[in-house]
Amino acid sequence: MGPSLDVTFIREAYQMRRLVEINAVPDLLGRLGEGDVSEWIDWHIGAGAMLPHEDGSDLSEFLRDVQPFD
């Protein structure tokens, strides 16, 4: 039995979003200043440092904090 229509739609929508985002990055970087890009890089490094490094950690607080930036 194959995946339901809902699962297929969600998977395809996610893949389409990923393609759009990946293709938007070079264009966006070409229009942004170096300071903006540096700030984004620093933010992502900081967010990575906030991740719990223990297996089985509860990520709900971390995900709630970074979700507004998605």
PDB file of N, CA and C in Angstrom:
ATOM      1  N   MET A   1       0.841  -1.169   0.000  1.00  0.00           N
ATOM      2  CA  MET A   1       0.000   0.000   0.000  1.00  0.00           C
ATOM      3  C   MET A   1       0.897   1.247   0.000  1.00  0.00           C
ATOM      4  N   GLY A   2       0.653   2.165  -0.890  1.00  0.00           N
ATOM      5  CA  GLY A   2       1.449   3.386  -1.008  1.00  0.00           C
ATOM      6  C   GLY A   2       1.016   4.436  -0.010  1.00  0.00           C
ATOM      7  N   PRO A   3       1.762   5.527   0.062  1.00  0.00           N
ATOM      8  CA  PRO A   3       1.390   6.597   0.990  1.00  0.00           C
ATOM      9  C   PRO A   3       0.079   7.248   0.576  1.00  0.00           C
ATOM     10  N   SER A   4      -0.610   7.769   1.566  1.00  0.00           N
ATOM     11  CA  SER A   4      -1.877   8.435   1.268  1.00  0.00           C
ATOM     12  C   SER A   4      -1.624   9.722   0.502  1.00  0.00           C
ATOM     13  N   LEU A   5      -2.667  10.251  -0.072  1.00  0.00           N
ATOM     14  CA  LEU A   5      -2.578  11.497  -0.824  1.00  0.00           C
ATOM     15  C   LEU A   5      -2.049  12.625   0.058  1.00  0.00           C
ATOM     16  N   ASP A   6      -2.487  12.657   1.324  1.00  0.00           N
ATOM     17  CA  ASP A   6      -2.037  13.704   2.248  1.00  0.00           C
ATOM     18  C   ASP A   6      -0.534  13.640   2.468  1.00  0.00           C
ATOM     19  N   VAL A   7      -0.006  12.444   2.676  1.00  0.00           N
ATOM     20  CA  VAL A   7       1.422  12.279   2.911  1.00  0.00           C
ATOM     21  C   VAL A   7       2.205  12.659   1.654  1.00  0.00           C
ATOM     22  N   THR A   8       1.722  12.260   0.518  1.00  0.00           N
ATOM     23  CA  THR A   8       2.385  12.600  -0.744  1.00  0.00           C
ATOM     24  C   THR A   8       2.376  14.100  -0.960  1.00  0.00           C
ATOM     25  N   PHE A   9       1.251  14.757  -0.709  1.00  0.00           N
ATOM     26  CA  PHE A   9       1.157  16.212  -0.867  1.00  0.00           C
ATOM     27  C   PHE A   9       2.133  16.925   0.060  1.00  0.00           C
ATOM     28  N   ILE A  10       2.190  16.509   1.313  1.00  0.00           N
ATOM     29  CA  ILE A  10       3.085  17.142   2.284  1.00  0.00           C
ATOM     30  C   ILE A  10       4.537  16.938   1.872  1.00  0.00           C
ATOM     31  N   ARG A  11       4.888  15.740   1.450  1.00  0.00           N
ATOM     32  CA  ARG A  11       6.248  15.462   1.025  1.00  0.00           C
ATOM     33  C   ARG A  11       6.627  16.320  -0.185  1.00  0.00           C
ATOM     34  N   GLU A  12       5.735  16.403  -1.158  1.00  0.00           N
ATOM     35  CA  GLU A  12       6.017  17.197  -2.353  1.00  0.00           C
ATOM     36  C   GLU A  12       6.072  18.694  -2.034  1.00  0.00           C
ATOM     37  N   ALA A  13       5.204  19.162  -1.140  1.00  0.00           N
ATOM     38  CA  ALA A  13       5.226  20.571  -0.745  1.00  0.00           C
ATOM     39  C   ALA A  13       6.532  20.896  -0.031  1.00  0.00           C
ATOM     40  N   TYR A  14       6.986  20.005   0.825  1.00  0.00           N
ATOM     41  CA  TYR A  14       8.256  20.210   1.530  1.00  0.00           C
ATOM     42  C   TYR A  14       9.410  20.251   0.534  1.00  0.00           C
ATOM     43  N   GLN A  15       9.412  19.338  -0.411  1.00  0.00           N
ATOM     44  CA  GLN A  15      10.482  19.302  -1.414  1.00  0.00           C
ATOM     45  C   GLN A  15      10.464  20.572  -2.272  1.00  0.00           C
ATOM     46  N   MET A  16       9.292  21.063  -2.618  1.00  0.00           N
ATOM     47  CA  MET A  16       9.191  22.293  -3.402  1.00  0.00           C
ATOM     48  C   MET A  16       9.721  23.475  -2.591  1.00  0.00           C
ATOM     49  N   ARG A  17       9.341  23.550  -1.318  1.00  0.00           N
ATOM     50  CA  ARG A  17       9.844  24.635  -0.466  1.00  0.00           C
ATOM     51  C   ARG A  17      11.362  24.580  -0.388  1.00  0.00           C
ATOM     52  N   ARG A  18      11.901  23.393  -0.234  1.00  0.00           N
ATOM     53  CA  ARG A  18      13.358  23.252  -0.143  1.00  0.00           C
ATOM     54  C   ARG A  18      14.036  23.728  -1.429  1.00  0.00           C
ATOM     55  N   LEU A  19      13.493  23.376  -2.575  1.00  0.00           N
ATOM     56  CA  LEU A  19      14.060  23.827  -3.847  1.00  0.00           C
ATOM     57  C   LEU A  19      14.021  25.342  -3.975  1.00  0.00           C
ATOM     58  N   VAL A  20      12.893  25.935  -3.594  1.00  0.00           N
ATOM     59  CA  VAL A  20      12.755  27.388  -3.677  1.00  0.00           C
ATOM     60  C   VAL A  20      13.760  28.059  -2.751  1.00  0.00           C
ATOM     61  N   GLU A  21      13.874  27.566  -1.525  1.00  0.00           N
ATOM     62  CA  GLU A  21      14.797  28.175  -0.570  1.00  0.00           C
ATOM     63  C   GLU A  21      16.251  28.029  -1.021  1.00  0.00           C
ATOM     64  N   ILE A  22      16.616  26.855  -1.489  1.00  0.00           N
ATOM     65  CA  ILE A  22      17.997  26.629  -1.930  1.00  0.00           C
ATOM     66  C   ILE A  22      18.332  27.540  -3.105  1.00  0.00           C
ATOM     67  N   ASN A  23      17.408  27.708  -4.027  1.00  0.00           N
ATOM     68  CA  ASN A  23      17.663  28.558  -5.187  1.00  0.00           C
ATOM     69  C   ASN A  23      17.600  30.043  -4.850  1.00  0.00           C
ATOM     70  N   ALA A  24      16.952  30.400  -3.763  1.00  0.00           N
ATOM     71  CA  ALA A  24      16.854  31.805  -3.372  1.00  0.00           C
ATOM     72  C   ALA A  24      18.124  32.297  -2.683  1.00  0.00           C
ATOM     73  N   VAL A  25      18.888  31.396  -2.089  1.00  0.00           N
ATOM     74  CA  VAL A  25      20.065  31.808  -1.320  1.00  0.00           C
ATOM     75  C   VAL A  25      21.087  32.563  -2.173  1.00  0.00           C
ATOM     76  N   PRO A  26      21.533  32.043  -3.324  1.00  0.00           N
ATOM     77  CA  PRO A  26      22.520  32.810  -4.100  1.00  0.00           C
ATOM     78  C   PRO A  26      22.013  34.190  -4.514  1.00  0.00           C
ATOM     79  N   ASP A  27      20.744  34.278  -4.886  1.00  0.00           N
ATOM     80  CA  ASP A  27      20.174  35.565  -5.275  1.00  0.00           C
ATOM     81  C   ASP A  27      20.154  36.521  -4.085  1.00  0.00           C
ATOM     82  N   LEU A  28      19.734  36.030  -2.948  1.00  0.00           N
ATOM     83  CA  LEU A  28      19.664  36.857  -1.753  1.00  0.00           C
ATOM     84  C   LEU A  28      21.053  37.330  -1.326  1.00  0.00           C
ATOM     85  N   LEU A  29      22.018  36.437  -1.351  1.00  0.00           N
ATOM     86  CA  LEU A  29      23.377  36.813  -0.951  1.00  0.00           C
ATOM     87  C   LEU A  29      23.954  37.878  -1.875  1.00  0.00           C
ATOM     88  N   GLY A  30      23.548  37.862  -3.132  1.00  0.00           N
ATOM     89  CA  GLY A  30      24.020  38.860  -4.070  1.00  0.00           C
ATOM     90  C   GLY A  30      23.452  40.242  -3.800  1.00  0.00           C
ATOM     91  N   ARG A  31      22.310  40.301  -3.106  1.00  0.00           N
ATOM     92  CA  ARG A  31      21.664  41.585  -2.835  1.00  0.00           C
ATOM     93  C   ARG A  31      21.918  42.105  -1.422  1.00  0.00           C
ATOM     94  N   LEU A  32      22.351  41.241  -0.527  1.00  0.00           N
ATOM     95  CA  LEU A  32      22.580  41.659   0.851  1.00  0.00           C
ATOM     96  C   LEU A  32      23.995  42.187   1.028  1.00  0.00           C
ATOM     97  N   GLY A  33      24.158  43.028   2.002  1.00  0.00           N
ATOM     98  CA  GLY A  33      25.484  43.502   2.333  1.00  0.00           C
ATOM     99  C   GLY A  33      26.248  42.460   3.146  1.00  0.00           C
ATOM    100  N   GLU A  34      27.567  42.611   3.178  1.00  0.00           N
ATOM    101  CA  GLU A  34      28.395  41.656   3.925  1.00  0.00           C
ATOM    102  C   GLU A  34      28.049  41.649   5.411  1.00  0.00           C
ATOM    103  N   GLY A  35      27.678  42.809   5.951  1.00  0.00           N
ATOM    104  CA  GLY A  35      27.309  42.878   7.363  1.00  0.00           C
ATOM    105  C   GLY A  35      26.097  42.032   7.691  1.00  0.00           C
ATOM    106  N   ASP A  36      25.094  42.061   6.806  1.00  0.00           N
ATOM    107  CA  ASP A  36      23.891  41.246   7.016  1.00  0.00           C
ATOM    108  C   ASP A  36      24.229  39.761   6.987  1.00  0.00           C
ATOM    109  N   VAL A  37      25.029  39.369   6.017  1.00  0.00           N
ATOM    110  CA  VAL A  37      25.406  37.960   5.893  1.00  0.00           C
ATOM    111  C   VAL A  37      26.207  37.534   7.114  1.00  0.00           C
ATOM    112  N   SER A  38      27.129  38.369   7.568  1.00  0.00           N
ATOM    113  CA  SER A  38      27.932  38.048   8.757  1.00  0.00           C
ATOM    114  C   SER A  38      27.052  37.879   9.992  1.00  0.00           C
ATOM    115  N   GLU A  39      26.046  38.751  10.130  1.00  0.00           N
ATOM    116  CA  GLU A  39      25.122  38.635  11.262  1.00  0.00           C
ATOM    117  C   GLU A  39      24.355  37.316  11.216  1.00  0.00           C
ATOM    118  N   TRP A  40      23.903  36.923  10.035  1.00  0.00           N
ATOM    119  CA  TRP A  40      23.185  35.654   9.897  1.00  0.00           C
ATOM    120  C   TRP A  40      24.077  34.481  10.248  1.00  0.00           C
ATOM    121  N   ILE A  41      25.304  34.513   9.771  1.00  0.00           N
ATOM    122  CA  ILE A  41      26.247  33.429  10.078  1.00  0.00           C
ATOM    123  C   ILE A  41      26.483  33.363  11.581  1.00  0.00           C
ATOM    124  N   ASP A  42      26.723  34.499  12.211  1.00  0.00           N
ATOM    125  CA  ASP A  42      26.943  34.539  13.657  1.00  0.00           C
ATOM    126  C   ASP A  42      25.728  34.026  14.411  1.00  0.00           C
ATOM    127  N   TRP A  43      24.513  34.408  13.947  1.00  0.00           N
ATOM    128  CA  TRP A  43      23.296  33.938  14.611  1.00  0.00           C
ATOM    129  C   TRP A  43      23.209  32.412  14.549  1.00  0.00           C
ATOM    130  N   HIS A  44      23.499  31.843  13.385  1.00  0.00           N
ATOM    131  CA  HIS A  44      23.410  30.390  13.240  1.00  0.00           C
ATOM    132  C   HIS A  44      24.471  29.673  14.070  1.00  0.00           C
ATOM    133  N   ILE A  45      25.646  30.241  14.167  1.00  0.00           N
ATOM    134  CA  ILE A  45      26.688  29.650  15.019  1.00  0.00           C
ATOM    135  C   ILE A  45      26.231  29.686  16.478  1.00  0.00           C
ATOM    136  N   GLY A  46      25.653  30.806  16.891  1.00  0.00           N
ATOM    137  CA  GLY A  46      25.138  30.916  18.252  1.00  0.00           C
ATOM    138  C   GLY A  46      24.003  29.944  18.527  1.00  0.00           C
ATOM    139  N   ALA A  47      23.111  29.804  17.560  1.00  0.00           N
ATOM    140  CA  ALA A  47      21.995  28.857  17.723  1.00  0.00           C
ATOM    141  C   ALA A  47      22.525  27.435  17.836  1.00  0.00           C
ATOM    142  N   GLY A  48      23.544  27.104  17.037  1.00  0.00           N
ATOM    143  CA  GLY A  48      24.137  25.769  17.121  1.00  0.00           C
ATOM    144  C   GLY A  48      24.775  25.513  18.472  1.00  0.00           C
ATOM    145  N   ALA A  49      25.356  26.554  19.057  1.00  0.00           N
ATOM    146  CA  ALA A  49      25.984  26.418  20.375  1.00  0.00           C
ATOM    147  C   ALA A  49      24.939  26.212  21.478  1.00  0.00           C
ATOM    148  N   MET A  50      23.698  26.677  21.254  1.00  0.00           N
ATOM    149  CA  MET A  50      22.631  26.519  22.250  1.00  0.00           C
ATOM    150  C   MET A  50      22.013  25.128  22.220  1.00  0.00           C
ATOM    151  N   LEU A  51      22.284  24.367  21.169  1.00  0.00           N
ATOM    152  CA  LEU A  51      21.698  23.026  21.068  1.00  0.00           C
ATOM    153  C   LEU A  51      22.209  22.124  22.188  1.00  0.00           C
ATOM    154  N   PRO A  52      21.324  21.379  22.820  1.00  0.00           N
ATOM    155  CA  PRO A  52      21.783  20.399  23.807  1.00  0.00           C
ATOM    156  C   PRO A  52      22.621  19.330  23.104  1.00  0.00           C
ATOM    157  N   HIS A  53      23.707  18.944  23.719  1.00  0.00           N
ATOM    158  CA  HIS A  53      24.612  17.984  23.093  1.00  0.00           C
ATOM    159  C   HIS A  53      24.502  16.586  23.695  1.00  0.00           C
ATOM    160  N   GLU A  54      23.425  16.334  24.406  1.00  0.00           N
ATOM    161  CA  GLU A  54      23.214  15.028  25.000  1.00  0.00           C
ATOM    162  C   GLU A  54      22.197  14.253  24.164  1.00  0.00           C
ATOM    163  N   ASP A  55      22.466  12.966  23.986  1.00  0.00           N
ATOM    164  CA  ASP A  55      21.501  12.128  23.273  1.00  0.00           C
ATOM    165  C   ASP A  55      20.197  12.078  24.057  1.00  0.00           C
ATOM    166  N   GLY A  56      19.101  12.174  23.349  1.00  0.00           N
ATOM    167  CA  GLY A  56      17.788  12.103  23.978  1.00  0.00           C
ATOM    168  C   GLY A  56      17.375  13.390  24.669  1.00  0.00           C
ATOM    169  N   SER A  57      18.085  14.484  24.415  1.00  0.00           N
ATOM    170  CA  SER A  57      17.736  15.761  25.038  1.00  0.00           C
ATOM    171  C   SER A  57      16.382  16.244  24.541  1.00  0.00           C
ATOM    172  N   ASP A  58      15.693  16.962  25.402  1.00  0.00           N
ATOM    173  CA  ASP A  58      14.425  17.571  25.018  1.00  0.00           C
ATOM    174  C   ASP A  58      14.732  18.855  24.252  1.00  0.00           C
ATOM    175  N   LEU A  59      14.375  18.894  22.990  1.00  0.00           N
ATOM    176  CA  LEU A  59      14.669  20.041  22.137  1.00  0.00           C
ATOM    177  C   LEU A  59      13.520  21.039  22.068  1.00  0.00           C
ATOM    178  N   SER A  60      12.446  20.790  22.801  1.00  0.00           N
ATOM    179  CA  SER A  60      11.255  21.624  22.647  1.00  0.00           C
ATOM    180  C   SER A  60      11.533  23.095  22.976  1.00  0.00           C
ATOM    181  N   GLU A  61      12.302  23.386  24.014  1.00  0.00           N
ATOM    182  CA  GLU A  61      12.595  24.780  24.356  1.00  0.00           C
ATOM    183  C   GLU A  61      13.445  25.435  23.264  1.00  0.00           C
ATOM    184  N   PHE A  62      14.452  24.721  22.802  1.00  0.00           N
ATOM    185  CA  PHE A  62      15.303  25.248  21.732  1.00  0.00           C
ATOM    186  C   PHE A  62      14.478  25.514  20.471  1.00  0.00           C
ATOM    187  N   LEU A  63      13.652  24.560  20.095  1.00  0.00           N
ATOM    188  CA  LEU A  63      12.837  24.717  18.882  1.00  0.00           C
ATOM    189  C   LEU A  63      11.843  25.866  19.025  1.00  0.00           C
ATOM    190  N   ARG A  64      11.271  26.039  20.202  1.00  0.00           N
ATOM    191  CA  ARG A  64      10.351  27.150  20.428  1.00  0.00           C
ATOM    192  C   ARG A  64      11.080  28.488  20.291  1.00  0.00           C
ATOM    193  N   ASP A  65      12.337  28.548  20.748  1.00  0.00           N
ATOM    194  CA  ASP A  65      13.106  29.794  20.668  1.00  0.00           C
ATOM    195  C   ASP A  65      13.512  30.158  19.241  1.00  0.00           C
ATOM    196  N   VAL A  66      13.825  29.160  18.411  1.00  0.00           N
ATOM    197  CA  VAL A  66      14.302  29.460  17.056  1.00  0.00           C
ATOM    198  C   VAL A  66      13.198  29.466  16.002  1.00  0.00           C
ATOM    199  N   GLN A  67      12.022  28.935  16.320  1.00  0.00           N
ATOM    200  CA  GLN A  67      10.934  28.845  15.357  1.00  0.00           C
ATOM    201  C   GLN A  67      10.555  30.204  14.748  1.00  0.00           C
ATOM    202  N   PRO A  68      10.520  31.288  15.522  1.00  0.00           N
ATOM    203  CA  PRO A  68      10.143  32.578  14.897  1.00  0.00           C
ATOM    204  C   PRO A  68      11.105  33.022  13.792  1.00  0.00           C
ATOM    205  N   PHE A  69      12.309  32.479  13.774  1.00  0.00           N
ATOM    206  CA  PHE A  69      13.282  32.885  12.776  1.00  0.00           C
ATOM    207  C   PHE A  69      13.224  32.052  11.503  1.00  0.00           C
ATOM    208  N   ASP A  70      12.395  31.011  11.492  1.00  0.00           N
ATOM    209  CA  ASP A  70      12.285  30.128  10.323  1.00  0.00           C
ATOM    210  C   ASP A  70      11.572  30.837   9.201  1.00  0.00           C
TER     211      ASP A  70
END
